[in-house]
Each structure stands twice: as C-alpha cells, then as structure tokens.
Amino acid sequence: MKNEINILEVPHPTVGQMVESVIRCKWSLAVIDLIRHGTNRPGKMEHAIKGLSAKVLNERLRKLLHFGVIEKRTFAETPPRVEYYLTDFGNRFAAILDSIHALQNELSQ
C-alpha cells in the first residue's frame, strides 16, 4: 500500500489557523499590544494587565512564538533577561489589529 498524504494535515499552520487560535484567547491581543508598545519583558507584561497570570502569559508567549508573531531574545546576563519583540510578520498582523480597533471606534461613535 502506498503512503498516502492527507491533504488536510498542514505541516505549518496557515494564517487563518493562526488568527483563529490567537483571537480565541482574550489575552493574546493584549500581549501583542504590549509588545508593540515597548513592554518586552514578561514580568512587566504580567504587571501591566490586571488578571493575567504568569502561567497564562507564558502559554500566550509560547503560542505567539510558535506562529512566528513574536521572537524571543535571551541575554546572557546574571540574572538572565528575556525580551520579546514582534517579527516582521507580527508587525503585519498588528496592522490588522489596528483595522479592528478603527472599526470599533467607528461603531462606538
């Protein structure tokens, strides 16, 4: 029997799958917004959003890393320092968020 490839199995998630996964979580968009406005360290992110736990933040950061929305930079210091930045793709995705915010502002007027 030949090895059959299931065309539904996608080795890398599509943009649509990424959007569905990111949008489903109420914290993902807030984390992206923090990073794009200069809050790059996890501890500061955790303190910037009331109700966001370290566990959930780490889950969101892992998911955003997985989808290529953010990149992680680790500095060889004592104590160790980690910072997150939007990738080029993340900046393009953030532009979509700007459109969502603009639409909300239009509807709110």
PDB file of N, CA and C in Angstrom:
ATOM      1  N   MET A   1       0.847  -1.186   0.000  1.00  0.00           N
ATOM      2  CA  MET A   1       0.000   0.000   0.000  1.00  0.00           C
ATOM      3  C   MET A   1       0.886   1.241   0.000  1.00  0.00           C
ATOM      4  N   LYS A   2       0.573   2.189  -0.845  1.00  0.00           N
ATOM      5  CA  LYS A   2       1.332   3.428  -0.927  1.00  0.00           C
ATOM      6  C   LYS A   2       1.089   4.278   0.307  1.00  0.00           C
ATOM      7  N   ASN A   3       2.105   5.056   0.653  1.00  0.00           N
ATOM      8  CA  ASN A   3       1.906   6.043   1.714  1.00  0.00           C
ATOM      9  C   ASN A   3       1.053   7.169   1.150  1.00  0.00           C
ATOM     10  N   GLU A   4      -0.084   7.388   1.737  1.00  0.00           N
ATOM     11  CA  GLU A   4      -0.961   8.450   1.272  1.00  0.00           C
ATOM     12  C   GLU A   4      -0.779   9.665   2.169  1.00  0.00           C
ATOM     13  N   ILE A   5      -0.763  10.800   1.539  1.00  0.00           N
ATOM     14  CA  ILE A   5      -0.631  12.047   2.277  1.00  0.00           C
ATOM     15  C   ILE A   5      -2.016  12.629   2.462  1.00  0.00           C
ATOM     16  N   ASN A   6      -2.363  12.890   3.674  1.00  0.00           N
ATOM     17  CA  ASN A   6      -3.644  13.510   3.976  1.00  0.00           C
ATOM     18  C   ASN A   6      -3.494  15.010   3.716  1.00  0.00           C
ATOM     19  N   ILE A   7      -4.211  15.525   2.724  1.00  0.00           N
ATOM     20  CA  ILE A   7      -4.056  16.926   2.369  1.00  0.00           C
ATOM     21  C   ILE A   7      -4.586  17.873   3.452  1.00  0.00           C
ATOM     22  N   LEU A   8      -5.309  17.330   4.404  1.00  0.00           N
ATOM     23  CA  LEU A   8      -5.805  18.167   5.491  1.00  0.00           C
ATOM     24  C   LEU A   8      -4.745  18.408   6.560  1.00  0.00           C
ATOM     25  N   GLU A   9      -3.697  17.595   6.548  1.00  0.00           N
ATOM     26  CA  GLU A   9      -2.621  17.783   7.512  1.00  0.00           C
ATOM     27  C   GLU A   9      -1.695  18.871   6.988  1.00  0.00           C
ATOM     28  N   VAL A  10      -1.588  19.952   7.710  1.00  0.00           N
ATOM     29  CA  VAL A  10      -0.767  21.072   7.293  1.00  0.00           C
ATOM     30  C   VAL A  10       0.466  21.101   8.178  1.00  0.00           C
ATOM     31  N   PRO A  11       1.686  20.968   7.590  1.00  0.00           N
ATOM     32  CA  PRO A  11       2.886  20.940   8.417  1.00  0.00           C
ATOM     33  C   PRO A  11       3.106  22.255   9.172  1.00  0.00           C
ATOM     34  N   HIS A  12       2.752  23.355   8.542  1.00  0.00           N
ATOM     35  CA  HIS A  12       2.844  24.655   9.190  1.00  0.00           C
ATOM     36  C   HIS A  12       1.453  25.272   9.189  1.00  0.00           C
ATOM     37  N   PRO A  13       1.052  25.850  10.292  1.00  0.00           N
ATOM     38  CA  PRO A  13      -0.303  26.403  10.346  1.00  0.00           C
ATOM     39  C   PRO A  13      -0.481  27.530   9.330  1.00  0.00           C
ATOM     40  N   THR A  14      -1.678  27.626   8.808  1.00  0.00           N
ATOM     41  CA  THR A  14      -1.992  28.709   7.892  1.00  0.00           C
ATOM     42  C   THR A  14      -2.247  29.980   8.683  1.00  0.00           C
ATOM     43  N   VAL A  15      -2.276  31.102   7.987  1.00  0.00           N
ATOM     44  CA  VAL A  15      -2.560  32.377   8.652  1.00  0.00           C
ATOM     45  C   VAL A  15      -3.955  32.317   9.275  1.00  0.00           C
ATOM     46  N   GLY A  16      -4.899  31.718   8.575  1.00  0.00           N
ATOM     47  CA  GLY A  16      -6.256  31.602   9.114  1.00  0.00           C
ATOM     48  C   GLY A  16      -6.293  30.811  10.413  1.00  0.00           C
ATOM     49  N   GLN A  17      -5.554  29.703  10.458  1.00  0.00           N
ATOM     50  CA  GLN A  17      -5.492  28.907  11.685  1.00  0.00           C
ATOM     51  C   GLN A  17      -4.839  29.708  12.810  1.00  0.00           C
ATOM     52  N   MET A  18      -3.812  30.449  12.465  1.00  0.00           N
ATOM     53  CA  MET A  18      -3.138  31.270  13.475  1.00  0.00           C
ATOM     54  C   MET A  18      -4.093  32.316  14.030  1.00  0.00           C
ATOM     55  N   VAL A  19      -4.822  32.998  13.149  1.00  0.00           N
ATOM     56  CA  VAL A  19      -5.758  34.039  13.597  1.00  0.00           C
ATOM     57  C   VAL A  19      -6.815  33.435  14.506  1.00  0.00           C
ATOM     58  N   GLU A  20      -7.377  32.302  14.111  1.00  0.00           N
ATOM     59  CA  GLU A  20      -8.387  31.654  14.949  1.00  0.00           C
ATOM     60  C   GLU A  20      -7.823  31.315  16.323  1.00  0.00           C
ATOM     61  N   SER A  21      -6.632  30.788  16.355  1.00  0.00           N
ATOM     62  CA  SER A  21      -6.024  30.378  17.617  1.00  0.00           C
ATOM     63  C   SER A  21      -5.696  31.585  18.499  1.00  0.00           C
ATOM     64  N   VAL A  22      -5.171  32.629  17.898  1.00  0.00           N
ATOM     65  CA  VAL A  22      -4.782  33.820  18.662  1.00  0.00           C
ATOM     66  C   VAL A  22      -6.013  34.588  19.121  1.00  0.00           C
ATOM     67  N   ILE A  23      -6.970  34.787  18.248  1.00  0.00           N
ATOM     68  CA  ILE A  23      -8.158  35.583  18.576  1.00  0.00           C
ATOM     69  C   ILE A  23      -9.008  34.893  19.641  1.00  0.00           C
ATOM     70  N   ARG A  24      -8.992  33.578  19.656  1.00  0.00           N
ATOM     71  CA  ARG A  24      -9.809  32.852  20.644  1.00  0.00           C
ATOM     72  C   ARG A  24      -9.424  33.180  22.077  1.00  0.00           C
ATOM     73  N   CYS A  25      -8.192  33.563  22.301  1.00  0.00           N
ATOM     74  CA  CYS A  25      -7.738  33.846  23.661  1.00  0.00           C
ATOM     75  C   CYS A  25      -7.831  35.337  23.944  1.00  0.00           C
ATOM     76  N   LYS A  26      -8.467  35.674  25.038  1.00  0.00           N
ATOM     77  CA  LYS A  26      -8.656  37.088  25.344  1.00  0.00           C
ATOM     78  C   LYS A  26      -7.349  37.801  25.673  1.00  0.00           C
ATOM     79  N   TRP A  27      -6.307  37.074  26.017  1.00  0.00           N
ATOM     80  CA  TRP A  27      -5.054  37.716  26.411  1.00  0.00           C
ATOM     81  C   TRP A  27      -4.084  37.931  25.260  1.00  0.00           C
ATOM     82  N   SER A  28      -4.188  37.165  24.192  1.00  0.00           N
ATOM     83  CA  SER A  28      -3.210  37.228  23.106  1.00  0.00           C
ATOM     84  C   SER A  28      -3.101  38.617  22.494  1.00  0.00           C
ATOM     85  N   LEU A  29      -4.227  39.224  22.197  1.00  0.00           N
ATOM     86  CA  LEU A  29      -4.194  40.544  21.575  1.00  0.00           C
ATOM     87  C   LEU A  29      -3.613  41.584  22.521  1.00  0.00           C
ATOM     88  N   ALA A  30      -3.914  41.453  23.796  1.00  0.00           N
ATOM     89  CA  ALA A  30      -3.357  42.383  24.784  1.00  0.00           C
ATOM     90  C   ALA A  30      -1.841  42.228  24.880  1.00  0.00           C
ATOM     91  N   VAL A  31      -1.347  41.000  24.812  1.00  0.00           N
ATOM     92  CA  VAL A  31       0.093  40.746  24.872  1.00  0.00           C
ATOM     93  C   VAL A  31       0.770  41.332  23.634  1.00  0.00           C
ATOM     94  N   ILE A  32       0.181  41.123  22.462  1.00  0.00           N
ATOM     95  CA  ILE A  32       0.736  41.698  21.240  1.00  0.00           C
ATOM     96  C   ILE A  32       0.788  43.212  21.350  1.00  0.00           C
ATOM     97  N   ASP A  33      -0.276  43.795  21.862  1.00  0.00           N
ATOM     98  CA  ASP A  33      -0.343  45.252  22.011  1.00  0.00           C
ATOM     99  C   ASP A  33       0.740  45.762  22.967  1.00  0.00           C
ATOM    100  N   LEU A  34       0.958  45.056  24.068  1.00  0.00           N
ATOM    101  CA  LEU A  34       2.019  45.456  24.997  1.00  0.00           C
ATOM    102  C   LEU A  34       3.382  45.427  24.319  1.00  0.00           C
ATOM    103  N   ILE A  35       3.659  44.346  23.620  1.00  0.00           N
ATOM    104  CA  ILE A  35       4.965  44.187  22.976  1.00  0.00           C
ATOM    105  C   ILE A  35       5.185  45.283  21.933  1.00  0.00           C
ATOM    106  N   ARG A  36       4.168  45.558  21.147  1.00  0.00           N
ATOM    107  CA  ARG A  36       4.359  46.569  20.100  1.00  0.00           C
ATOM    108  C   ARG A  36       4.502  47.969  20.662  1.00  0.00           C
ATOM    109  N   HIS A  37       4.078  48.172  21.893  1.00  0.00           N
ATOM    110  CA  HIS A  37       4.233  49.487  22.523  1.00  0.00           C
ATOM    111  C   HIS A  37       5.395  49.530  23.510  1.00  0.00           C
ATOM    112  N   GLY A  38       6.288  48.529  23.446  1.00  0.00           N
ATOM    113  CA  GLY A  38       7.535  48.593  24.185  1.00  0.00           C
ATOM    114  C   GLY A  38       7.621  47.845  25.493  1.00  0.00           C
ATOM    115  N   THR A  39       6.571  47.144  25.891  1.00  0.00           N
ATOM    116  CA  THR A  39       6.654  46.322  27.092  1.00  0.00           C
ATOM    117  C   THR A  39       7.109  44.941  26.641  1.00  0.00           C
ATOM    118  N   ASN A  40       8.419  44.684  26.775  1.00  0.00           N
ATOM    119  CA  ASN A  40       9.019  43.494  26.186  1.00  0.00           C
ATOM    120  C   ASN A  40       9.360  42.400  27.184  1.00  0.00           C
ATOM    121  N   ARG A  41       9.383  42.723  28.462  1.00  0.00           N
ATOM    122  CA  ARG A  41       9.802  41.728  29.461  1.00  0.00           C
ATOM    123  C   ARG A  41       8.575  41.101  30.112  1.00  0.00           C
ATOM    124  N   PRO A  42       8.614  39.786  30.301  1.00  0.00           N
ATOM    125  CA  PRO A  42       7.443  39.077  30.845  1.00  0.00           C
ATOM    126  C   PRO A  42       6.948  39.618  32.182  1.00  0.00           C
ATOM    127  N   GLY A  43       7.843  39.956  33.077  1.00  0.00           N
ATOM    128  CA  GLY A  43       7.416  40.471  34.378  1.00  0.00           C
ATOM    129  C   GLY A  43       6.628  41.764  34.255  1.00  0.00           C
ATOM    130  N   LYS A  44       7.079  42.633  33.378  1.00  0.00           N
ATOM    131  CA  LYS A  44       6.359  43.897  33.166  1.00  0.00           C
ATOM    132  C   LYS A  44       5.012  43.655  32.494  1.00  0.00           C
ATOM    133  N   MET A  45       4.968  42.668  31.591  1.00  0.00           N
ATOM    134  CA  MET A  45       3.699  42.337  30.942  1.00  0.00           C
ATOM    135  C   MET A  45       2.685  41.844  31.964  1.00  0.00           C
ATOM    136  N   GLU A  46       3.157  40.975  32.834  1.00  0.00           N
ATOM    137  CA  GLU A  46       2.277  40.397  33.857  1.00  0.00           C
ATOM    138  C   GLU A  46       1.689  41.482  34.749  1.00  0.00           C
ATOM    139  N   HIS A  47       2.502  42.467  35.096  1.00  0.00           N
ATOM    140  CA  HIS A  47       2.033  43.551  35.969  1.00  0.00           C
ATOM    141  C   HIS A  47       1.183  44.577  35.218  1.00  0.00           C
ATOM    142  N   ALA A  48       1.345  44.645  33.891  1.00  0.00           N
ATOM    143  CA  ALA A  48       0.634  45.644  33.101  1.00  0.00           C
ATOM    144  C   ALA A  48      -0.831  45.279  32.857  1.00  0.00           C
ATOM    145  N   ILE A  49      -1.150  43.988  32.938  1.00  0.00           N
ATOM    146  CA  ILE A  49      -2.514  43.539  32.651  1.00  0.00           C
ATOM    147  C   ILE A  49      -3.096  42.886  33.895  1.00  0.00           C
ATOM    148  N   LYS A  50      -4.047  43.547  34.498  1.00  0.00           N
ATOM    149  CA  LYS A  50      -4.690  43.003  35.695  1.00  0.00           C
ATOM    150  C   LYS A  50      -5.404  41.694  35.351  1.00  0.00           C
ATOM    151  N   GLY A  51      -5.129  40.673  36.138  1.00  0.00           N
ATOM    152  CA  GLY A  51      -5.775  39.377  35.957  1.00  0.00           C
ATOM    153  C   GLY A  51      -4.974  38.398  35.111  1.00  0.00           C
ATOM    154  N   LEU A  52      -3.891  38.853  34.512  1.00  0.00           N
ATOM    155  CA  LEU A  52      -3.064  37.975  33.691  1.00  0.00           C
ATOM    156  C   LEU A  52      -2.049  37.268  34.580  1.00  0.00           C
ATOM    157  N   SER A  53      -2.144  35.942  34.645  1.00  0.00           N
ATOM    158  CA  SER A  53      -1.215  35.171  35.474  1.00  0.00           C
ATOM    159  C   SER A  53       0.040  34.829  34.677  1.00  0.00           C
ATOM    160  N   ALA A  54       1.102  34.489  35.380  1.00  0.00           N
ATOM    161  CA  ALA A  54       2.360  34.097  34.740  1.00  0.00           C
ATOM    162  C   ALA A  54       2.144  32.865  33.863  1.00  0.00           C
ATOM    163  N   LYS A  55       1.332  31.932  34.337  1.00  0.00           N
ATOM    164  CA  LYS A  55       1.064  30.703  33.581  1.00  0.00           C
ATOM    165  C   LYS A  55       0.406  31.012  32.240  1.00  0.00           C
ATOM    166  N   VAL A  56      -0.632  31.817  32.265  1.00  0.00           N
ATOM    167  CA  VAL A  56      -1.350  32.160  31.036  1.00  0.00           C
ATOM    168  C   VAL A  56      -0.454  33.004  30.127  1.00  0.00           C
ATOM    169  N   LEU A  57       0.295  33.928  30.692  1.00  0.00           N
ATOM    170  CA  LEU A  57       1.206  34.745  29.896  1.00  0.00           C
ATOM    171  C   LEU A  57       2.208  33.855  29.160  1.00  0.00           C
ATOM    172  N   ASN A  58       2.799  32.913  29.870  1.00  0.00           N
ATOM    173  CA  ASN A  58       3.769  32.015  29.246  1.00  0.00           C
ATOM    174  C   ASN A  58       3.135  31.169  28.144  1.00  0.00           C
ATOM    175  N   GLU A  59       1.900  30.740  28.348  1.00  0.00           N
ATOM    176  CA  GLU A  59       1.187  29.996  27.306  1.00  0.00           C
ATOM    177  C   GLU A  59       0.984  30.861  26.067  1.00  0.00           C
ATOM    178  N   ARG A  60       0.571  32.114  26.279  1.00  0.00           N
ATOM    179  CA  ARG A  60       0.350  33.033  25.156  1.00  0.00           C
ATOM    180  C   ARG A  60       1.656  33.316  24.420  1.00  0.00           C
ATOM    181  N   LEU A  61       2.727  33.540  25.179  1.00  0.00           N
ATOM    182  CA  LEU A  61       4.020  33.820  24.556  1.00  0.00           C
ATOM    183  C   LEU A  61       4.491  32.621  23.727  1.00  0.00           C
ATOM    184  N   ARG A  62       4.319  31.412  24.257  1.00  0.00           N
ATOM    185  CA  ARG A  62       4.701  30.209  23.507  1.00  0.00           C
ATOM    186  C   ARG A  62       3.898  30.095  22.210  1.00  0.00           C
ATOM    187  N   LYS A  63       2.603  30.354  22.293  1.00  0.00           N
ATOM    188  CA  LYS A  63       1.747  30.258  21.111  1.00  0.00           C
ATOM    189  C   LYS A  63       2.154  31.309  20.079  1.00  0.00           C
ATOM    190  N   LEU A  64       2.392  32.534  20.508  1.00  0.00           N
ATOM    191  CA  LEU A  64       2.782  33.592  19.589  1.00  0.00           C
ATOM    192  C   LEU A  64       4.156  33.316  18.972  1.00  0.00           C
ATOM    193  N   LEU A  65       5.055  32.710  19.750  1.00  0.00           N
ATOM    194  CA  LEU A  65       6.348  32.284  19.213  1.00  0.00           C
ATOM    195  C   LEU A  65       6.147  31.201  18.154  1.00  0.00           C
ATOM    196  N   HIS A  66       5.306  30.230  18.459  1.00  0.00           N
ATOM    197  CA  HIS A  66       5.025  29.115  17.553  1.00  0.00           C
ATOM    198  C   HIS A  66       4.527  29.607  16.200  1.00  0.00           C
ATOM    199  N   PHE A  67       3.669  30.610  16.215  1.00  0.00           N
ATOM    200  CA  PHE A  67       3.091  31.135  14.980  1.00  0.00           C
ATOM    201  C   PHE A  67       3.984  32.174  14.301  1.00  0.00           C
ATOM    202  N   GLY A  68       5.096  32.518  14.928  1.00  0.00           N
ATOM    203  CA  GLY A  68       6.018  33.473  14.310  1.00  0.00           C
ATOM    204  C   GLY A  68       5.585  34.919  14.429  1.00  0.00           C
ATOM    205  N   VAL A  69       4.686  35.199  15.372  1.00  0.00           N
ATOM    206  CA  VAL A  69       4.221  36.571  15.578  1.00  0.00           C
ATOM    207  C   VAL A  69       5.262  37.358  16.370  1.00  0.00           C
ATOM    208  N   ILE A  70       5.915  36.685  17.310  1.00  0.00           N
ATOM    209  CA  ILE A  70       6.946  37.329  18.132  1.00  0.00           C
ATOM    210  C   ILE A  70       8.233  36.509  18.075  1.00  0.00           C
ATOM    211  N   GLU A  71       9.314  37.156  18.495  1.00  0.00           N
ATOM    212  CA  GLU A  71      10.587  36.462  18.646  1.00  0.00           C
ATOM    213  C   GLU A  71      11.085  36.701  20.061  1.00  0.00           C
ATOM    214  N   LYS A  72      11.843  35.758  20.548  1.00  0.00           N
ATOM    215  CA  LYS A  72      12.373  35.806  21.917  1.00  0.00           C
ATOM    216  C   LYS A  72      13.870  36.098  21.838  1.00  0.00           C
ATOM    217  N   ARG A  73      14.291  37.064  22.626  1.00  0.00           N
ATOM    218  CA  ARG A  73      15.719  37.371  22.720  1.00  0.00           C
ATOM    219  C   ARG A  73      16.156  37.119  24.153  1.00  0.00           C
ATOM    220  N   THR A  74      17.167  36.278  24.295  1.00  0.00           N
ATOM    221  CA  THR A  74      17.695  35.930  25.606  1.00  0.00           C
ATOM    222  C   THR A  74      19.076  36.554  25.741  1.00  0.00           C
ATOM    223  N   PHE A  75      19.303  37.214  26.862  1.00  0.00           N
ATOM    224  CA  PHE A  75      20.567  37.891  27.111  1.00  0.00           C
ATOM    225  C   PHE A  75      21.351  37.115  28.165  1.00  0.00           C
ATOM    226  N   ALA A  76      22.628  36.907  27.882  1.00  0.00           N
ATOM    227  CA  ALA A  76      23.489  36.159  28.799  1.00  0.00           C
ATOM    228  C   ALA A  76      23.964  37.088  29.913  1.00  0.00           C
ATOM    229  N   GLU A  77      23.076  37.304  30.856  1.00  0.00           N
ATOM    230  CA  GLU A  77      23.362  38.179  31.990  1.00  0.00           C
ATOM    231  C   GLU A  77      22.986  37.448  33.269  1.00  0.00           C
ATOM    232  N   THR A  78      23.428  38.006  34.372  1.00  0.00           N
ATOM    233  CA  THR A  78      23.015  37.487  35.665  1.00  0.00           C
ATOM    234  C   THR A  78      22.322  38.616  36.409  1.00  0.00           C
ATOM    235  N   PRO A  79      21.057  38.471  36.738  1.00  0.00           N
ATOM    236  CA  PRO A  79      20.147  37.374  36.395  1.00  0.00           C
ATOM    237  C   PRO A  79      19.813  37.398  34.896  1.00  0.00           C
ATOM    238  N   PRO A  80      19.396  36.245  34.373  1.00  0.00           N
ATOM    239  CA  PRO A  80      19.090  36.174  32.943  1.00  0.00           C
ATOM    240  C   PRO A  80      17.948  37.120  32.576  1.00  0.00           C
ATOM    241  N   ARG A  81      18.026  37.661  31.372  1.00  0.00           N
ATOM    242  CA  ARG A  81      16.995  38.590  30.904  1.00  0.00           C
ATOM    243  C   ARG A  81      16.445  38.060  29.589  1.00  0.00           C
ATOM    244  N   VAL A  82      15.124  38.102  29.465  1.00  0.00           N
ATOM    245  CA  VAL A  82      14.432  37.674  28.250  1.00  0.00           C
ATOM    246  C   VAL A  82      13.523  38.812  27.821  1.00  0.00           C
ATOM    247  N   GLU A  83      13.514  39.082  26.520  1.00  0.00           N
ATOM    248  CA  GLU A  83      12.630  40.097  25.966  1.00  0.00           C
ATOM    249  C   GLU A  83      11.967  39.545  24.708  1.00  0.00           C
ATOM    250  N   TYR A  84      10.786  40.054  24.419  1.00  0.00           N
ATOM    251  CA  TYR A  84      10.023  39.621  23.248  1.00  0.00           C
ATOM    252  C   TYR A  84       9.788  40.819  22.332  1.00  0.00           C
ATOM    253  N   TYR A  85       9.853  40.546  21.034  1.00  0.00           N
ATOM    254  CA  TYR A  85       9.656  41.569  20.022  1.00  0.00           C
ATOM    255  C   TYR A  85       8.788  41.011  18.913  1.00  0.00           C
ATOM    256  N   LEU A  86       8.047  41.893  18.249  1.00  0.00           N
ATOM    257  CA  LEU A  86       7.270  41.462  17.099  1.00  0.00           C
ATOM    258  C   LEU A  86       8.208  41.158  15.940  1.00  0.00           C
ATOM    259  N   THR A  87       7.894  40.118  15.212  1.00  0.00           N
ATOM    260  CA  THR A  87       8.610  39.807  13.976  1.00  0.00           C
ATOM    261  C   THR A  87       8.039  40.689  12.865  1.00  0.00           C
ATOM    262  N   ASP A  88       8.610  40.609  11.673  1.00  0.00           N
ATOM    263  CA  ASP A  88       8.024  41.332  10.540  1.00  0.00           C
ATOM    264  C   ASP A  88       6.586  40.886  10.320  1.00  0.00           C
ATOM    265  N   PHE A  89       6.371  39.564  10.414  1.00  0.00           N
ATOM    266  CA  PHE A  89       5.008  39.045  10.294  1.00  0.00           C
ATOM    267  C   PHE A  89       4.124  39.599  11.415  1.00  0.00           C
ATOM    268  N   GLY A  90       4.670  39.661  12.640  1.00  0.00           N
ATOM    269  CA  GLY A  90       3.912  40.195  13.771  1.00  0.00           C
ATOM    270  C   GLY A  90       3.506  41.642  13.564  1.00  0.00           C
ATOM    271  N   ASN A  91       4.384  42.434  12.980  1.00  0.00           N
ATOM    272  CA  ASN A  91       4.040  43.833  12.676  1.00  0.00           C
ATOM    273  C   ASN A  91       2.932  43.909  11.636  1.00  0.00           C
ATOM    274  N   ARG A  92       2.977  43.022  10.654  1.00  0.00           N
ATOM    275  CA  ARG A  92       1.907  42.987   9.643  1.00  0.00           C
ATOM    276  C   ARG A  92       0.592  42.551  10.283  1.00  0.00           C
ATOM    277  N   PHE A  93       0.667  41.582  11.186  1.00  0.00           N
ATOM    278  CA  PHE A  93      -0.533  41.124  11.894  1.00  0.00           C
ATOM    279  C   PHE A  93      -1.080  42.246  12.778  1.00  0.00           C
ATOM    280  N   ALA A  94      -0.196  42.999  13.416  1.00  0.00           N
ATOM    281  CA  ALA A  94      -0.628  44.111  14.268  1.00  0.00           C
ATOM    282  C   ALA A  94      -1.381  45.164  13.458  1.00  0.00           C
ATOM    283  N   ALA A  95      -1.040  45.315  12.183  1.00  0.00           N
ATOM    284  CA  ALA A  95      -1.766  46.257  11.325  1.00  0.00           C
ATOM    285  C   ALA A  95      -3.226  45.831  11.176  1.00  0.00           C
ATOM    286  N   ILE A  96      -3.467  44.519  11.164  1.00  0.00           N
ATOM    287  CA  ILE A  96      -4.842  44.017  11.130  1.00  0.00           C
ATOM    288  C   ILE A  96      -5.554  44.418  12.419  1.00  0.00           C
ATOM    289  N   LEU A  97      -4.849  44.344  13.536  1.00  0.00           N
ATOM    290  CA  LEU A  97      -5.438  44.749  14.818  1.00  0.00           C
ATOM    291  C   LEU A  97      -5.805  46.231  14.801  1.00  0.00           C
ATOM    292  N   ASP A  98      -4.968  47.046  14.148  1.00  0.00           N
ATOM    293  CA  ASP A  98      -5.289  48.471  14.010  1.00  0.00           C
ATOM    294  C   ASP A  98      -6.608  48.656  13.271  1.00  0.00           C
ATOM    295  N   SER A  99      -6.828  47.857  12.235  1.00  0.00           N
ATOM    296  CA  SER A  99      -8.086  47.929  11.485  1.00  0.00           C
ATOM    297  C   SER A  99      -9.269  47.539  12.359  1.00  0.00           C
ATOM    298  N   ILE A 100      -9.071  46.534  13.201  1.00  0.00           N
ATOM    299  CA  ILE A 100     -10.138  46.109  14.120  1.00  0.00           C
ATOM    300  C   ILE A 100     -10.458  47.231  15.103  1.00  0.00           C
ATOM    301  N   HIS A 101      -9.427  47.866  15.660  1.00  0.00           N
ATOM    302  CA  HIS A 101      -9.636  48.980  16.594  1.00  0.00           C
ATOM    303  C   HIS A 101     -10.323  50.154  15.899  1.00  0.00           C
ATOM    304  N   ALA A 102      -9.931  50.448  14.656  1.00  0.00           N
ATOM    305  CA  ALA A 102     -10.558  51.547  13.906  1.00  0.00           C
ATOM    306  C   ALA A 102     -12.032  51.267  13.664  1.00  0.00           C
ATOM    307  N   LEU A 103     -12.351  50.022  13.306  1.00  0.00           N
ATOM    308  CA  LEU A 103     -13.741  49.642  13.105  1.00  0.00           C
ATOM    309  C   LEU A 103     -14.537  49.800  14.392  1.00  0.00           C
ATOM    310  N   GLN A 104     -13.968  49.365  15.511  1.00  0.00           N
ATOM    311  CA  GLN A 104     -14.639  49.509  16.800  1.00  0.00           C
ATOM    312  C   GLN A 104     -14.876  50.978  17.131  1.00  0.00           C
ATOM    313  N   ASN A 105     -13.884  51.815  16.860  1.00  0.00           N
ATOM    314  CA  ASN A 105     -14.041  53.250  17.120  1.00  0.00           C
ATOM    315  C   ASN A 105     -15.151  53.855  16.261  1.00  0.00           C
ATOM    316  N   GLU A 106     -15.244  53.434  15.006  1.00  0.00           N
ATOM    317  CA  GLU A 106     -16.310  53.911  14.131  1.00  0.00           C
ATOM    318  C   GLU A 106     -17.672  53.512  14.659  1.00  0.00           C
ATOM    319  N   LEU A 107     -17.783  52.263  15.108  1.00  0.00           N
ATOM    320  CA  LEU A 107     -19.060  51.753  15.596  1.00  0.00           C
ATOM    321  C   LEU A 107     -19.461  52.373  16.921  1.00  0.00           C
ATOM    322  N   SER A 108     -18.465  52.819  17.687  1.00  0.00           N
ATOM    323  CA  SER A 108     -18.742  53.388  19.010  1.00  0.00           C
ATOM    324  C   SER A 108     -19.201  54.847  18.931  1.00  0.00           C
ATOM    325  N   GLN A 109     -19.029  55.470  17.800  1.00  0.00           N
ATOM    326  CA  GLN A 109     -19.390  56.909  17.677  1.00  0.00           C
ATOM    327  C   GLN A 109     -20.834  57.095  17.351  1.00  0.00           C
TER     328      GLN A 109
END
